[in-house]
Amino acid sequence: MKLEFSEAAVEDLIRLRKFIAEHNPEAARRVSRRLISAIQKLAKTPQIGWVVPELPGEIRDFVFGHHVVRYAVVCPSEQSEESTLCILKIWHGKENR
């Protein structure tokens, strides 16, 4: 399964890392690495997240530590034979979204 990040998800990772780095640069690196690793594992078992019923399609949330990863699995198309896990948003559970 291919893995893609939306522009919003990339911005989320940058924002989260900057926020943590203000207080502890090493923790920011560690959290970033762990989040990316968890997302890579998610690509192997995308059904472990729960469906977000108020959103159309099959948008799912996966909680990793204090963070929530919102994603969608895009099925193969005529252009690609492989499914894609698209990371839509990432946020800390205590954030006021």
PDB file of N, CA and C in Angstrom:
ATOM      1  N   MET A   1       0.843  -1.176   0.000  1.00  0.00           N
ATOM      2  CA  MET A   1       0.000   0.000   0.000  1.00  0.00           C
ATOM      3  C   MET A   1       0.887   1.238   0.000  1.00  0.00           C
ATOM      4  N   LYS A   2       0.567   2.158  -0.894  1.00  0.00           N
ATOM      5  CA  LYS A   2       1.297   3.421  -0.955  1.00  0.00           C
ATOM      6  C   LYS A   2       0.860   4.302   0.214  1.00  0.00           C
ATOM      7  N   LEU A   3       1.728   5.211   0.591  1.00  0.00           N
ATOM      8  CA  LEU A   3       1.449   6.137   1.683  1.00  0.00           C
ATOM      9  C   LEU A   3       1.621   7.558   1.161  1.00  0.00           C
ATOM     10  N   GLU A   4       0.592   8.384   1.353  1.00  0.00           N
ATOM     11  CA  GLU A   4       0.653   9.788   0.940  1.00  0.00           C
ATOM     12  C   GLU A   4       0.200  10.669   2.096  1.00  0.00           C
ATOM     13  N   PHE A   5       0.761  11.867   2.146  1.00  0.00           N
ATOM     14  CA  PHE A   5       0.389  12.862   3.149  1.00  0.00           C
ATOM     15  C   PHE A   5      -0.229  14.053   2.440  1.00  0.00           C
ATOM     16  N   SER A   6      -1.388  14.486   2.921  1.00  0.00           N
ATOM     17  CA  SER A   6      -1.972  15.706   2.374  1.00  0.00           C
ATOM     18  C   SER A   6      -1.099  16.882   2.795  1.00  0.00           C
ATOM     19  N   GLU A   7      -1.266  17.990   2.117  1.00  0.00           N
ATOM     20  CA  GLU A   7      -0.529  19.203   2.487  1.00  0.00           C
ATOM     21  C   GLU A   7      -0.850  19.593   3.928  1.00  0.00           C
ATOM     22  N   ALA A   8      -2.114  19.449   4.317  1.00  0.00           N
ATOM     23  CA  ALA A   8      -2.527  19.783   5.689  1.00  0.00           C
ATOM     24  C   ALA A   8      -1.814  18.895   6.706  1.00  0.00           C
ATOM     25  N   ALA A   9      -1.658  17.610   6.405  1.00  0.00           N
ATOM     26  CA  ALA A   9      -0.989  16.688   7.330  1.00  0.00           C
ATOM     27  C   ALA A   9       0.488  17.043   7.480  1.00  0.00           C
ATOM     28  N   VAL A  10       1.130  17.412   6.381  1.00  0.00           N
ATOM     29  CA  VAL A  10       2.537  17.826   6.445  1.00  0.00           C
ATOM     30  C   VAL A  10       2.660  19.081   7.304  1.00  0.00           C
ATOM     31  N   GLU A  11       1.769  20.030   7.107  1.00  0.00           N
ATOM     32  CA  GLU A  11       1.765  21.246   7.922  1.00  0.00           C
ATOM     33  C   GLU A  11       1.528  20.915   9.387  1.00  0.00           C
ATOM     34  N   ASP A  12       0.658  19.941   9.651  1.00  0.00           N
ATOM     35  CA  ASP A  12       0.407  19.516  11.033  1.00  0.00           C
ATOM     36  C   ASP A  12       1.674  18.966  11.674  1.00  0.00           C
ATOM     37  N   LEU A  13       2.387  18.109  10.963  1.00  0.00           N
ATOM     38  CA  LEU A  13       3.631  17.547  11.506  1.00  0.00           C
ATOM     39  C   LEU A  13       4.650  18.638  11.804  1.00  0.00           C
ATOM     40  N   ILE A  14       4.774  19.587  10.910  1.00  0.00           N
ATOM     41  CA  ILE A  14       5.707  20.698  11.119  1.00  0.00           C
ATOM     42  C   ILE A  14       5.286  21.517  12.337  1.00  0.00           C
ATOM     43  N   ARG A  15       4.003  21.824  12.424  1.00  0.00           N
ATOM     44  CA  ARG A  15       3.480  22.621  13.543  1.00  0.00           C
ATOM     45  C   ARG A  15       3.695  21.904  14.882  1.00  0.00           C
ATOM     46  N   LEU A  16       3.368  20.618  14.930  1.00  0.00           N
ATOM     47  CA  LEU A  16       3.534  19.854  16.167  1.00  0.00           C
ATOM     48  C   LEU A  16       4.996  19.787  16.588  1.00  0.00           C
ATOM     49  N   ARG A  17       5.860  19.557  15.617  1.00  0.00           N
ATOM     50  CA  ARG A  17       7.284  19.463  15.938  1.00  0.00           C
ATOM     51  C   ARG A  17       7.823  20.799  16.449  1.00  0.00           C
ATOM     52  N   LYS A  18       7.432  21.898  15.809  1.00  0.00           N
ATOM     53  CA  LYS A  18       7.885  23.218  16.260  1.00  0.00           C
ATOM     54  C   LYS A  18       7.416  23.503  17.686  1.00  0.00           C
ATOM     55  N   PHE A  19       6.167  23.167  17.966  1.00  0.00           N
ATOM     56  CA  PHE A  19       5.616  23.419  19.299  1.00  0.00           C
ATOM     57  C   PHE A  19       6.410  22.654  20.359  1.00  0.00           C
ATOM     58  N   ILE A  20       6.673  21.388  20.119  1.00  0.00           N
ATOM     59  CA  ILE A  20       7.412  20.578  21.087  1.00  0.00           C
ATOM     60  C   ILE A  20       8.855  21.052  21.192  1.00  0.00           C
ATOM     61  N   ALA A  21       9.461  21.419  20.063  1.00  0.00           N
ATOM     62  CA  ALA A  21      10.862  21.841  20.041  1.00  0.00           C
ATOM     63  C   ALA A  21      11.103  23.115  20.839  1.00  0.00           C
ATOM     64  N   GLU A  22      10.088  23.948  20.988  1.00  0.00           N
ATOM     65  CA  GLU A  22      10.251  25.158  21.798  1.00  0.00           C
ATOM     66  C   GLU A  22      10.631  24.811  23.229  1.00  0.00           C
ATOM     67  N   HIS A  23      10.181  23.665  23.703  1.00  0.00           N
ATOM     68  CA  HIS A  23      10.438  23.259  25.082  1.00  0.00           C
ATOM     69  C   HIS A  23      11.515  22.175  25.178  1.00  0.00           C
ATOM     70  N   ASN A  24      11.587  21.322  24.139  1.00  0.00           N
ATOM     71  CA  ASN A  24      12.518  20.208  24.196  1.00  0.00           C
ATOM     72  C   ASN A  24      12.804  19.701  22.780  1.00  0.00           C
ATOM     73  N   PRO A  25      13.876  20.175  22.162  1.00  0.00           N
ATOM     74  CA  PRO A  25      14.191  19.777  20.777  1.00  0.00           C
ATOM     75  C   PRO A  25      14.353  18.266  20.599  1.00  0.00           C
ATOM     76  N   GLU A  26      14.967  17.599  21.566  1.00  0.00           N
ATOM     77  CA  GLU A  26      15.146  16.147  21.448  1.00  0.00           C
ATOM     78  C   GLU A  26      13.795  15.435  21.491  1.00  0.00           C
ATOM     79  N   ALA A  27      12.903  15.883  22.338  1.00  0.00           N
ATOM     80  CA  ALA A  27      11.561  15.282  22.393  1.00  0.00           C
ATOM     81  C   ALA A  27      10.831  15.496  21.074  1.00  0.00           C
ATOM     82  N   ALA A  28      11.024  16.641  20.451  1.00  0.00           N
ATOM     83  CA  ALA A  28      10.383  16.919  19.157  1.00  0.00           C
ATOM     84  C   ALA A  28      10.850  15.923  18.107  1.00  0.00           C
ATOM     85  N   ARG A  29      12.150  15.647  18.072  1.00  0.00           N
ATOM     86  CA  ARG A  29      12.680  14.661  17.121  1.00  0.00           C
ATOM     87  C   ARG A  29      12.117  13.268  17.424  1.00  0.00           C
ATOM     88  N   ARG A  30      12.079  12.921  18.703  1.00  0.00           N
ATOM     89  CA  ARG A  30      11.600  11.601  19.115  1.00  0.00           C
ATOM     90  C   ARG A  30      10.117  11.413  18.769  1.00  0.00           C
ATOM     91  N   VAL A  31       9.294  12.406  19.062  1.00  0.00           N
ATOM     92  CA  VAL A  31       7.857  12.324  18.767  1.00  0.00           C
ATOM     93  C   VAL A  31       7.632  12.235  17.260  1.00  0.00           C
ATOM     94  N   SER A  32       8.370  13.024  16.492  1.00  0.00           N
ATOM     95  CA  SER A  32       8.237  12.990  15.028  1.00  0.00           C
ATOM     96  C   SER A  32       8.564  11.611  14.483  1.00  0.00           C
ATOM     97  N   ARG A  33       9.672  11.051  14.939  1.00  0.00           N
ATOM     98  CA  ARG A  33      10.069   9.709  14.474  1.00  0.00           C
ATOM     99  C   ARG A  33       9.017   8.669  14.836  1.00  0.00           C
ATOM    100  N   ARG A  34       8.495   8.734  16.046  1.00  0.00           N
ATOM    101  CA  ARG A  34       7.495   7.752  16.487  1.00  0.00           C
ATOM    102  C   ARG A  34       6.185   7.896  15.712  1.00  0.00           C
ATOM    103  N   LEU A  35       5.787   9.122  15.443  1.00  0.00           N
ATOM    104  CA  LEU A  35       4.564   9.327  14.661  1.00  0.00           C
ATOM    105  C   LEU A  35       4.716   8.772  13.248  1.00  0.00           C
ATOM    106  N   ILE A  36       5.825   9.071  12.614  1.00  0.00           N
ATOM    107  CA  ILE A  36       6.062   8.577  11.252  1.00  0.00           C
ATOM    108  C   ILE A  36       6.108   7.051  11.253  1.00  0.00           C
ATOM    109  N   SER A  37       6.765   6.469  12.241  1.00  0.00           N
ATOM    110  CA  SER A  37       6.841   5.011  12.335  1.00  0.00           C
ATOM    111  C   SER A  37       5.450   4.401  12.516  1.00  0.00           C
ATOM    112  N   ALA A  38       4.630   5.003  13.378  1.00  0.00           N
ATOM    113  CA  ALA A  38       3.266   4.502  13.595  1.00  0.00           C
ATOM    114  C   ALA A  38       2.443   4.602  12.318  1.00  0.00           C
ATOM    115  N   ILE A  39       2.618   5.681  11.583  1.00  0.00           N
ATOM    116  CA  ILE A  39       1.876   5.866  10.327  1.00  0.00           C
ATOM    117  C   ILE A  39       2.324   4.834   9.293  1.00  0.00           C
ATOM    118  N   GLN A  40       3.598   4.538   9.246  1.00  0.00           N
ATOM    119  CA  GLN A  40       4.084   3.514   8.317  1.00  0.00           C
ATOM    120  C   GLN A  40       3.503   2.144   8.664  1.00  0.00           C
ATOM    121  N   LYS A  41       3.377   1.834   9.942  1.00  0.00           N
ATOM    122  CA  LYS A  41       2.760   0.573  10.370  1.00  0.00           C
ATOM    123  C   LYS A  41       1.267   0.576  10.055  1.00  0.00           C
ATOM    124  N   LEU A  42       0.639   1.737  10.186  1.00  0.00           N
ATOM    125  CA  LEU A  42      -0.784   1.870   9.876  1.00  0.00           C
ATOM    126  C   LEU A  42      -1.055   1.493   8.421  1.00  0.00           C
ATOM    127  N   ALA A  43      -0.112   1.791   7.548  1.00  0.00           N
ATOM    128  CA  ALA A  43      -0.274   1.462   6.129  1.00  0.00           C
ATOM    129  C   ALA A  43      -0.368  -0.050   5.909  1.00  0.00           C
ATOM    130  N   LYS A  44       0.162  -0.823   6.849  1.00  0.00           N
ATOM    131  CA  LYS A  44       0.095  -2.284   6.737  1.00  0.00           C
ATOM    132  C   LYS A  44      -1.222  -2.848   7.270  1.00  0.00           C
ATOM    133  N   THR A  45      -1.864  -2.113   8.187  1.00  0.00           N
ATOM    134  CA  THR A  45      -3.120  -2.570   8.797  1.00  0.00           C
ATOM    135  C   THR A  45      -4.096  -1.395   8.923  1.00  0.00           C
ATOM    136  N   PRO A  46      -4.536  -0.842   7.802  1.00  0.00           N
ATOM    137  CA  PRO A  46      -5.337   0.390   7.847  1.00  0.00           C
ATOM    138  C   PRO A  46      -6.721   0.236   8.481  1.00  0.00           C
ATOM    139  N   GLN A  47      -7.204  -0.965   8.647  1.00  0.00           N
ATOM    140  CA  GLN A  47      -8.542  -1.141   9.221  1.00  0.00           C
ATOM    141  C   GLN A  47      -8.559  -1.005  10.745  1.00  0.00           C
ATOM    142  N   ILE A  48      -7.394  -0.799  11.379  1.00  0.00           N
ATOM    143  CA  ILE A  48      -7.383  -0.724  12.848  1.00  0.00           C
ATOM    144  C   ILE A  48      -7.948   0.589  13.380  1.00  0.00           C
ATOM    145  N   GLY A  49      -7.984   1.626  12.546  1.00  0.00           N
ATOM    146  CA  GLY A  49      -8.588   2.886  12.981  1.00  0.00           C
ATOM    147  C   GLY A  49     -10.098   2.759  12.974  1.00  0.00           C
ATOM    148  N   TRP A  50     -10.780   3.663  13.682  1.00  0.00           N
ATOM    149  CA  TRP A  50     -12.238   3.597  13.673  1.00  0.00           C
ATOM    150  C   TRP A  50     -12.812   4.591  12.683  1.00  0.00           C
ATOM    151  N   VAL A  51     -13.930   4.185  12.078  1.00  0.00           N
ATOM    152  CA  VAL A  51     -14.598   5.024  11.085  1.00  0.00           C
ATOM    153  C   VAL A  51     -15.184   6.242  11.786  1.00  0.00           C
ATOM    154  N   VAL A  52     -15.032   7.406  11.164  1.00  0.00           N
ATOM    155  CA  VAL A  52     -15.618   8.646  11.679  1.00  0.00           C
ATOM    156  C   VAL A  52     -17.000   8.768  11.037  1.00  0.00           C
ATOM    157  N   PRO A  53     -18.071   8.438  11.781  1.00  0.00           N
ATOM    158  CA  PRO A  53     -19.399   8.325  11.175  1.00  0.00           C
ATOM    159  C   PRO A  53     -19.961   9.629  10.613  1.00  0.00           C
ATOM    160  N   GLU A  54     -19.537  10.768  11.140  1.00  0.00           N
ATOM    161  CA  GLU A  54     -20.098  12.032  10.671  1.00  0.00           C
ATOM    162  C   GLU A  54     -19.451  12.541   9.383  1.00  0.00           C
ATOM    163  N   LEU A  55     -18.438  11.825   8.887  1.00  0.00           N
ATOM    164  CA  LEU A  55     -17.782  12.218   7.637  1.00  0.00           C
ATOM    165  C   LEU A  55     -18.165  11.259   6.520  1.00  0.00           C
ATOM    166  N   PRO A  56     -18.236  11.758   5.292  1.00  0.00           N
ATOM    167  CA  PRO A  56     -18.614  10.887   4.167  1.00  0.00           C
ATOM    168  C   PRO A  56     -17.488   9.904   3.833  1.00  0.00           C
ATOM    169  N   GLY A  57     -17.869   8.822   3.208  1.00  0.00           N
ATOM    170  CA  GLY A  57     -16.874   7.825   2.810  1.00  0.00           C
ATOM    171  C   GLY A  57     -16.368   7.053   4.007  1.00  0.00           C
ATOM    172  N   GLU A  58     -15.183   6.536   3.866  1.00  0.00           N
ATOM    173  CA  GLU A  58     -14.594   5.760   4.953  1.00  0.00           C
ATOM    174  C   GLU A  58     -13.350   6.466   5.481  1.00  0.00           C
ATOM    175  N   ILE A  59     -13.586   7.578   6.148  1.00  0.00           N
ATOM    176  CA  ILE A  59     -12.525   8.330   6.809  1.00  0.00           C
ATOM    177  C   ILE A  59     -12.366   7.707   8.193  1.00  0.00           C
ATOM    178  N   ARG A  60     -11.120   7.473   8.585  1.00  0.00           N
ATOM    179  CA  ARG A  60     -10.852   6.816   9.867  1.00  0.00           C
ATOM    180  C   ARG A  60      -9.918   7.649  10.728  1.00  0.00           C
ATOM    181  N   ASP A  61     -10.001   7.428  12.036  1.00  0.00           N
ATOM    182  CA  ASP A  61      -9.085   8.022  13.000  1.00  0.00           C
ATOM    183  C   ASP A  61      -8.310   6.912  13.683  1.00  0.00           C
ATOM    184  N   PHE A  62      -7.042   7.170  13.918  1.00  0.00           N
ATOM    185  CA  PHE A  62      -6.183   6.245  14.648  1.00  0.00           C
ATOM    186  C   PHE A  62      -5.488   7.057  15.729  1.00  0.00           C
ATOM    187  N   VAL A  63      -5.567   6.599  16.967  1.00  0.00           N
ATOM    188  CA  VAL A  63      -4.927   7.289  18.080  1.00  0.00           C
ATOM    189  C   VAL A  63      -3.589   6.619  18.349  1.00  0.00           C
ATOM    190  N   PHE A  64      -2.560   7.444  18.378  1.00  0.00           N
ATOM    191  CA  PHE A  64      -1.225   6.968  18.707  1.00  0.00           C
ATOM    192  C   PHE A  64      -0.689   7.853  19.818  1.00  0.00           C
ATOM    193  N   GLY A  65      -0.576   7.299  21.001  1.00  0.00           N
ATOM    194  CA  GLY A  65      -0.141   8.097  22.153  1.00  0.00           C
ATOM    195  C   GLY A  65      -1.140   9.218  22.399  1.00  0.00           C
ATOM    196  N   HIS A  66      -0.658  10.453  22.346  1.00  0.00           N
ATOM    197  CA  HIS A  66      -1.520  11.618  22.553  1.00  0.00           C
ATOM    198  C   HIS A  66      -1.998  12.223  21.235  1.00  0.00           C
ATOM    199  N   HIS A  67      -1.673  11.593  20.127  1.00  0.00           N
ATOM    200  CA  HIS A  67      -1.972  12.159  18.817  1.00  0.00           C
ATOM    201  C   HIS A  67      -3.039  11.364  18.078  1.00  0.00           C
ATOM    202  N   VAL A  68      -3.778  12.074  17.239  1.00  0.00           N
ATOM    203  CA  VAL A  68      -4.802  11.456  16.405  1.00  0.00           C
ATOM    204  C   VAL A  68      -4.389  11.643  14.945  1.00  0.00           C
ATOM    205  N   VAL A  69      -4.448  10.561  14.199  1.00  0.00           N
ATOM    206  CA  VAL A  69      -4.139  10.583  12.777  1.00  0.00           C
ATOM    207  C   VAL A  69      -5.437  10.290  12.031  1.00  0.00           C
ATOM    208  N   ARG A  70      -5.879  11.223  11.218  1.00  0.00           N
ATOM    209  CA  ARG A  70      -7.091  11.024  10.400  1.00  0.00           C
ATOM    210  C   ARG A  70      -6.637  10.652   8.995  1.00  0.00           C
ATOM    211  N   TYR A  71      -7.251   9.599   8.450  1.00  0.00           N
ATOM    212  CA  TYR A  71      -6.796   9.095   7.159  1.00  0.00           C
ATOM    213  C   TYR A  71      -7.935   8.464   6.368  1.00  0.00           C
ATOM    214  N   ALA A  72      -7.639   8.189   5.113  1.00  0.00           N
ATOM    215  CA  ALA A  72      -8.570   7.494   4.226  1.00  0.00           C
ATOM    216  C   ALA A  72      -7.774   6.496   3.406  1.00  0.00           C
ATOM    217  N   VAL A  73      -8.408   5.379   3.106  1.00  0.00           N
ATOM    218  CA  VAL A  73      -7.806   4.407   2.202  1.00  0.00           C
ATOM    219  C   VAL A  73      -8.460   4.614   0.844  1.00  0.00           C
ATOM    220  N   VAL A  74      -7.642   4.915  -0.136  1.00  0.00           N
ATOM    221  CA  VAL A  74      -8.125   5.129  -1.496  1.00  0.00           C
ATOM    222  C   VAL A  74      -7.858   3.838  -2.265  1.00  0.00           C
ATOM    223  N   CYS A  75      -8.933   3.248  -2.767  1.00  0.00           N
ATOM    224  CA  CYS A  75      -8.826   1.971  -3.476  1.00  0.00           C
ATOM    225  C   CYS A  75      -8.149   2.143  -4.821  1.00  0.00           C
ATOM    226  N   PRO A  76      -7.651   1.057  -5.367  1.00  0.00           N
ATOM    227  CA  PRO A  76      -6.979   1.143  -6.673  1.00  0.00           C
ATOM    228  C   PRO A  76      -7.884   1.764  -7.737  1.00  0.00           C
ATOM    229  N   SER A  77      -7.251   2.405  -8.679  1.00  0.00           N
ATOM    230  CA  SER A  77      -7.976   3.025  -9.793  1.00  0.00           C
ATOM    231  C   SER A  77      -7.373   2.543 -11.105  1.00  0.00           C
ATOM    232  N   GLU A  78      -7.873   3.078 -12.173  1.00  0.00           N
ATOM    233  CA  GLU A  78      -7.325   2.714 -13.489  1.00  0.00           C
ATOM    234  C   GLU A  78      -5.871   3.154 -13.625  1.00  0.00           C
ATOM    235  N   GLN A  79      -5.495   4.234 -12.921  1.00  0.00           N
ATOM    236  CA  GLN A  79      -4.138   4.748 -13.025  1.00  0.00           C
ATOM    237  C   GLN A  79      -3.155   3.966 -12.146  1.00  0.00           C
ATOM    238  N   SER A  80      -3.661   3.341 -11.076  1.00  0.00           N
ATOM    239  CA  SER A  80      -2.785   2.639 -10.151  1.00  0.00           C
ATOM    240  C   SER A  80      -3.458   1.362  -9.668  1.00  0.00           C
ATOM    241  N   GLU A  81      -2.698   0.302  -9.621  1.00  0.00           N
ATOM    242  CA  GLU A  81      -3.231  -0.971  -9.165  1.00  0.00           C
ATOM    243  C   GLU A  81      -3.129  -1.115  -7.655  1.00  0.00           C
ATOM    244  N   GLU A  82      -2.456  -0.188  -7.002  1.00  0.00           N
ATOM    245  CA  GLU A  82      -2.183  -0.279  -5.579  1.00  0.00           C
ATOM    246  C   GLU A  82      -3.071   0.691  -4.793  1.00  0.00           C
ATOM    247  N   SER A  83      -3.575   0.244  -3.637  1.00  0.00           N
ATOM    248  CA  SER A  83      -4.327   1.129  -2.751  1.00  0.00           C
ATOM    249  C   SER A  83      -3.378   2.152  -2.136  1.00  0.00           C
ATOM    250  N   THR A  84      -3.947   3.273  -1.716  1.00  0.00           N
ATOM    251  CA  THR A  84      -3.156   4.337  -1.110  1.00  0.00           C
ATOM    252  C   THR A  84      -3.750   4.703   0.240  1.00  0.00           C
ATOM    253  N   LEU A  85      -2.896   4.815   1.242  1.00  0.00           N
ATOM    254  CA  LEU A  85      -3.305   5.333   2.547  1.00  0.00           C
ATOM    255  C   LEU A  85      -2.983   6.808   2.526  1.00  0.00           C
ATOM    256  N   CYS A  86      -4.002   7.640   2.589  1.00  0.00           N
ATOM    257  CA  CYS A  86      -3.820   9.091   2.537  1.00  0.00           C
ATOM    258  C   CYS A  86      -4.013   9.678   3.936  1.00  0.00           C
ATOM    259  N   ILE A  87      -2.948  10.239   4.483  1.00  0.00           N
ATOM    260  CA  ILE A  87      -3.008  10.879   5.792  1.00  0.00           C
ATOM    261  C   ILE A  87      -3.565  12.280   5.571  1.00  0.00           C
ATOM    262  N   LEU A  88      -4.705  12.554   6.211  1.00  0.00           N
ATOM    263  CA  LEU A  88      -5.406  13.818   5.992  1.00  0.00           C
ATOM    264  C   LEU A  88      -5.037  14.892   7.010  1.00  0.00           C
ATOM    265  N   LYS A  89      -5.008  14.517   8.295  1.00  0.00           N
ATOM    266  CA  LYS A  89      -4.742  15.484   9.373  1.00  0.00           C
ATOM    267  C   LYS A  89      -4.070  14.756  10.526  1.00  0.00           C
ATOM    268  N   ILE A  90      -3.311  15.493  11.330  1.00  0.00           N
ATOM    269  CA  ILE A  90      -2.683  14.962  12.533  1.00  0.00           C
ATOM    270  C   ILE A  90      -2.784  16.045  13.598  1.00  0.00           C
ATOM    271  N   TRP A  91      -3.211  15.673  14.789  1.00  0.00           N
ATOM    272  CA  TRP A  91      -3.292  16.660  15.857  1.00  0.00           C
ATOM    273  C   TRP A  91      -3.076  16.000  17.209  1.00  0.00           C
ATOM    274  N   HIS A  92      -2.746  16.815  18.202  1.00  0.00           N
ATOM    275  CA  HIS A  92      -2.609  16.364  19.578  1.00  0.00           C
ATOM    276  C   HIS A  92      -4.001  16.319  20.181  1.00  0.00           C
ATOM    277  N   GLY A  93      -4.271  15.297  20.983  1.00  0.00           N
ATOM    278  CA  GLY A  93      -5.590  15.114  21.571  1.00  0.00           C
ATOM    279  C   GLY A  93      -6.076  16.275  22.417  1.00  0.00           C
ATOM    280  N   LYS A  94      -5.165  17.092  22.957  1.00  0.00           N
ATOM    281  CA  LYS A  94      -5.573  18.222  23.791  1.00  0.00           C
ATOM    282  C   LYS A  94      -5.780  19.511  23.002  1.00  0.00           C
ATOM    283  N   GLU A  95      -5.530  19.461  21.701  1.00  0.00           N
ATOM    284  CA  GLU A  95      -5.720  20.659  20.882  1.00  0.00           C
ATOM    285  C   GLU A  95      -7.189  21.007  20.765  1.00  0.00           C
ATOM    286  N   ASN A  96      -7.476  22.277  20.766  1.00  0.00           N
ATOM    287  CA  ASN A  96      -8.842  22.750  20.531  1.00  0.00           C
ATOM    288  C   ASN A  96      -9.019  22.852  19.032  1.00  0.00           C
ATOM    289  N   ARG A  97      -9.667  21.830  18.467  1.00  0.00           N
ATOM    290  CA  ARG A  97      -9.808  21.812  17.013  1.00  0.00           C
ATOM    291  C   ARG A  97     -11.077  22.506  16.644  1.00  0.00           C
TER     292      ARG A  97
END
